[in-house]
Amino acid sequence: MKRDKRVKLLEIVREHVRNNKKEYILVTLIFIIGIFLGVLFINQIQEGQKTEITSYLNNFIEKMKNIESLNHIELLKNSMGQNILLAIVLWFFGTTVIGIPIVFGLVLYRGFCLGYTIAICITIMGLPQGLLFALLLLLVQNILLIPAILALAVSGFKLYKSIVKDRNKENVKIEIVRHTVFSFIMLLVLVVASVIEIFISMSFLKGCIKYF
């Protein structure tokens, strides 16, 4: 029974992506551009800035090594607060015609942050160790986080196109309701991503930090 539900859920997701393929390609390209910008930005930083970032990263690693146990509840509150705020912002600006550039800007920014973080870890710690550290820090939660952000952007973009193309107020209202329901589902996904980040990624990183 559970397997049948998972198969149905996967089919719904595939159908959703197929029906919005162009929109997903667009927002994914924006996200990838953000990653490249983050990587390029690291190459342009001055030596003083690099020293500050190196010090911050080393302090973070040492702090993780010295902490006996993580305050999961506090970390979870912070992570969930950030992700819920992100979902609300993407939903809100996705419901306005003039807000779509902001939605795309947020996608670009998230890509930039990811590229920047990975690049700085590799620059400071070297390729093998830096890449491994970045993967431990970012990979697991981003498996859900990134698709949810892209899906929220696509939903907002679809609503934008509906508002521009269809002047019928009732149809627009229906699309707004769909966008709101979909955004709420993605908000739940982002909450799950926070739980994974704190209870799996951070705990796993805590266990492996002694090797860095």
Protein backbone atom coordinates (compact mmCIF):
# COMPACT_ATOMS: atom_id res chain seq x y z
CA MET A 1 0.00 0.00 0.00
CA LYS A 2 2.76 2.45 0.96
CA ARG A 3 4.66 1.55 -2.20
CA ASP A 4 1.57 2.29 -4.30
CA LYS A 5 1.24 5.69 -2.64
CA ARG A 6 4.89 6.48 -3.34
CA VAL A 7 4.48 5.46 -6.99
CA LYS A 8 1.39 7.67 -7.32
CA LEU A 9 3.19 10.59 -5.67
CA LEU A 10 6.18 10.22 -8.00
CA GLU A 11 3.85 10.09 -10.98
CA ILE A 12 2.11 13.28 -9.84
CA VAL A 13 5.50 15.01 -9.49
CA ARG A 14 6.63 13.81 -12.94
CA GLU A 15 3.36 14.97 -14.49
CA HIS A 16 3.70 18.37 -12.83
CA VAL A 17 7.25 18.80 -14.13
CA ARG A 18 6.27 17.61 -17.64
CA ASN A 19 3.37 20.08 -17.77
CA ASN A 20 5.63 22.95 -16.71
CA LYS A 21 8.84 21.90 -18.43
CA LYS A 22 9.64 25.31 -19.95
CA GLU A 23 9.11 27.11 -16.65
CA TYR A 24 11.33 24.63 -14.79
CA ILE A 25 14.07 24.98 -17.42
CA LEU A 26 13.94 28.78 -17.02
CA VAL A 27 14.13 28.86 -13.20
CA THR A 28 16.77 26.10 -13.18
CA LEU A 29 18.93 28.14 -15.57
CA ILE A 30 18.54 31.18 -13.29
CA PHE A 31 19.60 29.05 -10.32
CA ILE A 32 22.63 27.66 -12.20
CA ILE A 33 23.65 31.19 -13.24
CA GLY A 34 23.51 32.11 -9.55
CA ILE A 35 25.85 29.21 -8.72
CA PHE A 36 28.36 30.33 -11.35
CA LEU A 37 28.18 33.92 -10.09
CA GLY A 38 28.91 32.69 -6.57
CA VAL A 39 31.94 30.74 -7.79
CA LEU A 40 33.20 33.70 -9.85
CA PHE A 41 32.73 36.07 -6.92
CA ILE A 42 35.15 34.03 -4.79
CA ASN A 43 37.82 34.40 -7.47
CA GLN A 44 37.51 38.20 -7.22
CA ILE A 45 37.81 38.60 -3.43
CA GLN A 46 40.84 40.36 -1.99
CA GLU A 47 43.41 38.69 0.23
CA GLY A 48 42.10 40.46 3.34
CA GLN A 49 38.58 39.20 2.73
CA LYS A 50 39.88 35.71 2.12
CA THR A 51 41.74 35.84 5.46
CA GLU A 52 38.54 36.87 7.26
CA ILE A 53 36.52 34.09 5.64
CA THR A 54 39.26 31.55 6.41
CA SER A 55 39.21 32.64 10.05
CA TYR A 56 35.41 32.37 10.19
CA LEU A 57 35.44 28.86 8.66
CA ASN A 58 38.20 27.67 10.99
CA ASN A 59 36.33 29.07 14.00
CA PHE A 60 33.17 27.28 12.87
CA ILE A 61 35.03 23.97 12.57
CA GLU A 62 36.70 24.38 15.97
CA LYS A 63 33.39 25.33 17.57
CA MET A 64 31.75 22.22 16.11
CA LYS A 65 34.61 20.08 17.41
CA ASN A 66 34.36 21.49 20.93
CA ILE A 67 30.58 21.35 21.29
CA GLU A 68 29.64 18.18 23.16
CA SER A 69 26.07 18.10 21.88
CA LEU A 70 24.12 20.26 19.45
CA ASN A 71 21.10 22.26 20.59
CA HIS A 72 18.84 20.69 17.97
CA ILE A 73 15.68 22.51 19.07
CA GLU A 74 17.24 25.97 18.82
CA LEU A 75 18.90 25.18 15.50
CA LEU A 76 15.63 23.75 14.19
CA LYS A 77 13.71 26.89 15.20
CA ASN A 78 16.19 29.08 13.32
CA SER A 79 16.22 26.88 10.22
CA MET A 80 12.44 26.50 10.10
CA GLY A 81 11.97 30.23 10.65
CA GLN A 82 14.22 31.04 7.69
CA ASN A 83 12.59 28.46 5.41
CA ILE A 84 9.04 29.45 6.36
CA LEU A 85 9.88 33.12 5.74
CA LEU A 86 11.37 32.18 2.36
CA ALA A 87 8.22 30.27 1.39
CA ILE A 88 5.96 33.16 2.44
CA VAL A 89 8.07 35.70 0.52
CA LEU A 90 8.08 33.54 -2.63
CA TRP A 91 4.32 32.97 -2.31
CA PHE A 92 3.57 36.65 -1.76
CA PHE A 93 5.66 38.02 -4.62
CA GLY A 94 4.45 35.16 -6.81
CA THR A 95 0.89 36.50 -6.45
CA THR A 96 1.82 39.91 -7.89
CA VAL A 97 2.75 40.76 -11.46
CA ILE A 98 5.53 43.13 -10.42
CA GLY A 99 6.87 40.59 -7.90
CA ILE A 100 8.09 37.99 -10.43
CA PRO A 101 11.51 39.68 -10.90
CA ILE A 102 11.92 39.46 -7.12
CA VAL A 103 11.03 35.75 -7.21
CA PHE A 104 13.63 35.16 -9.92
CA GLY A 105 16.08 37.32 -7.95
CA LEU A 106 15.61 35.10 -4.87
CA VAL A 107 16.25 31.98 -6.97
CA LEU A 108 19.40 33.63 -8.35
CA TYR A 109 20.49 34.58 -4.82
CA ARG A 110 19.99 31.03 -3.48
CA GLY A 111 22.10 29.71 -6.34
CA PHE A 112 24.72 32.36 -5.61
CA CYS A 113 24.86 31.35 -1.92
CA LEU A 114 25.27 27.68 -2.83
CA GLY A 115 28.02 28.37 -5.36
CA TYR A 116 29.75 30.80 -2.99
CA THR A 117 29.71 28.33 -0.08
CA ILE A 118 31.05 25.42 -2.12
CA ALA A 119 33.72 27.60 -3.77
CA ILE A 120 34.93 29.09 -0.48
CA CYS A 121 35.22 25.65 1.13
CA ILE A 122 37.28 24.38 -1.82
CA THR A 123 39.40 27.56 -1.99
CA ILE A 124 40.30 27.45 1.70
CA MET A 125 40.48 23.70 2.37
CA GLY A 126 41.55 22.38 -1.03
CA LEU A 127 39.53 20.39 -3.57
CA PRO A 128 39.05 16.96 -1.95
CA GLN A 129 38.60 18.10 1.65
CA GLY A 130 36.70 21.30 0.82
CA LEU A 131 34.29 19.54 -1.52
CA LEU A 132 33.65 16.79 1.05
CA PHE A 133 33.02 19.39 3.77
CA ALA A 134 30.61 21.32 1.54
CA LEU A 135 28.75 18.13 0.62
CA LEU A 136 28.39 17.14 4.28
CA LEU A 137 27.17 20.63 5.13
CA LEU A 138 24.81 21.20 2.19
CA LEU A 139 23.91 18.10 0.20
CA VAL A 140 21.22 16.25 2.17
CA GLN A 141 18.86 19.15 3.01
CA ASN A 142 19.28 20.70 -0.45
CA ILE A 143 17.87 17.55 -2.05
CA LEU A 144 14.49 18.87 -0.86
CA LEU A 145 15.26 22.57 -0.40
CA ILE A 146 16.34 23.40 -3.96
CA PRO A 147 13.46 21.61 -5.77
CA ALA A 148 10.97 23.25 -3.37
CA ILE A 149 12.36 26.73 -4.09
CA LEU A 150 12.33 26.10 -7.84
CA ALA A 151 8.77 24.73 -7.64
CA LEU A 152 7.59 27.83 -5.73
CA ALA A 153 9.17 30.05 -8.38
CA VAL A 154 7.51 28.06 -11.18
CA SER A 155 4.13 28.26 -9.45
CA GLY A 156 4.47 32.04 -9.11
CA PHE A 157 5.56 32.37 -12.73
CA LYS A 158 2.56 30.32 -13.88
CA LEU A 159 0.25 32.61 -11.91
CA TYR A 160 1.95 35.65 -13.44
CA LYS A 161 1.32 34.30 -16.95
CA SER A 162 -2.30 33.54 -16.08
CA ILE A 163 -2.85 37.09 -14.83
CA VAL A 164 -1.25 38.59 -17.94
CA LYS A 165 -3.02 36.34 -20.46
CA ASP A 166 -6.44 35.86 -18.81
CA ARG A 167 -8.33 38.96 -17.74
CA ASN A 168 -11.21 36.89 -16.31
CA LYS A 169 -11.21 37.63 -12.58
CA GLU A 170 -12.75 34.26 -11.64
CA ASN A 171 -10.06 32.33 -13.51
CA VAL A 172 -7.36 34.45 -11.88
CA LYS A 173 -8.88 33.77 -8.44
CA ILE A 174 -8.77 30.03 -9.12
CA GLU A 175 -5.10 30.27 -10.14
CA ILE A 176 -4.31 32.25 -6.98
CA VAL A 177 -5.95 29.53 -4.86
CA ARG A 178 -3.95 26.85 -6.72
CA HIS A 179 -0.75 28.81 -6.21
CA THR A 180 -1.53 29.24 -2.50
CA VAL A 181 -2.29 25.54 -1.95
CA PHE A 182 0.82 24.52 -3.88
CA SER A 183 2.92 27.01 -1.91
CA PHE A 184 1.62 25.56 1.36
CA ILE A 185 2.64 22.07 0.24
CA MET A 186 6.12 23.38 -0.65
CA LEU A 187 6.27 25.11 2.75
CA LEU A 188 5.76 21.69 4.36
CA VAL A 189 8.57 20.31 2.17
CA LEU A 190 10.82 23.15 3.39
CA VAL A 191 9.94 22.31 7.00
CA VAL A 192 10.97 18.70 6.34
CA ALA A 193 14.20 20.04 4.77
CA SER A 194 14.89 21.92 8.02
CA VAL A 195 14.37 18.75 10.06
CA ILE A 196 16.75 16.85 7.76
CA GLU A 197 19.30 19.67 7.95
CA ILE A 198 19.40 19.75 11.75
CA PHE A 199 18.86 16.14 12.76
CA ILE A 200 20.72 14.42 9.91
CA SER A 201 23.14 16.80 8.15
CA MET A 202 24.34 18.65 11.26
CA SER A 203 24.58 15.48 13.32
CA PHE A 204 26.51 13.73 10.55
CA LEU A 205 28.78 16.75 10.16
CA LYS A 206 29.32 16.80 13.93
CA GLY A 207 30.42 13.16 13.78
CA CYS A 208 32.82 13.78 10.87
CA ILE A 209 34.16 17.22 11.85
CA LYS A 210 37.13 15.75 13.75
CA TYR A 211 38.65 14.71 10.41
CA PHE A 212 38.84 18.31 9.14
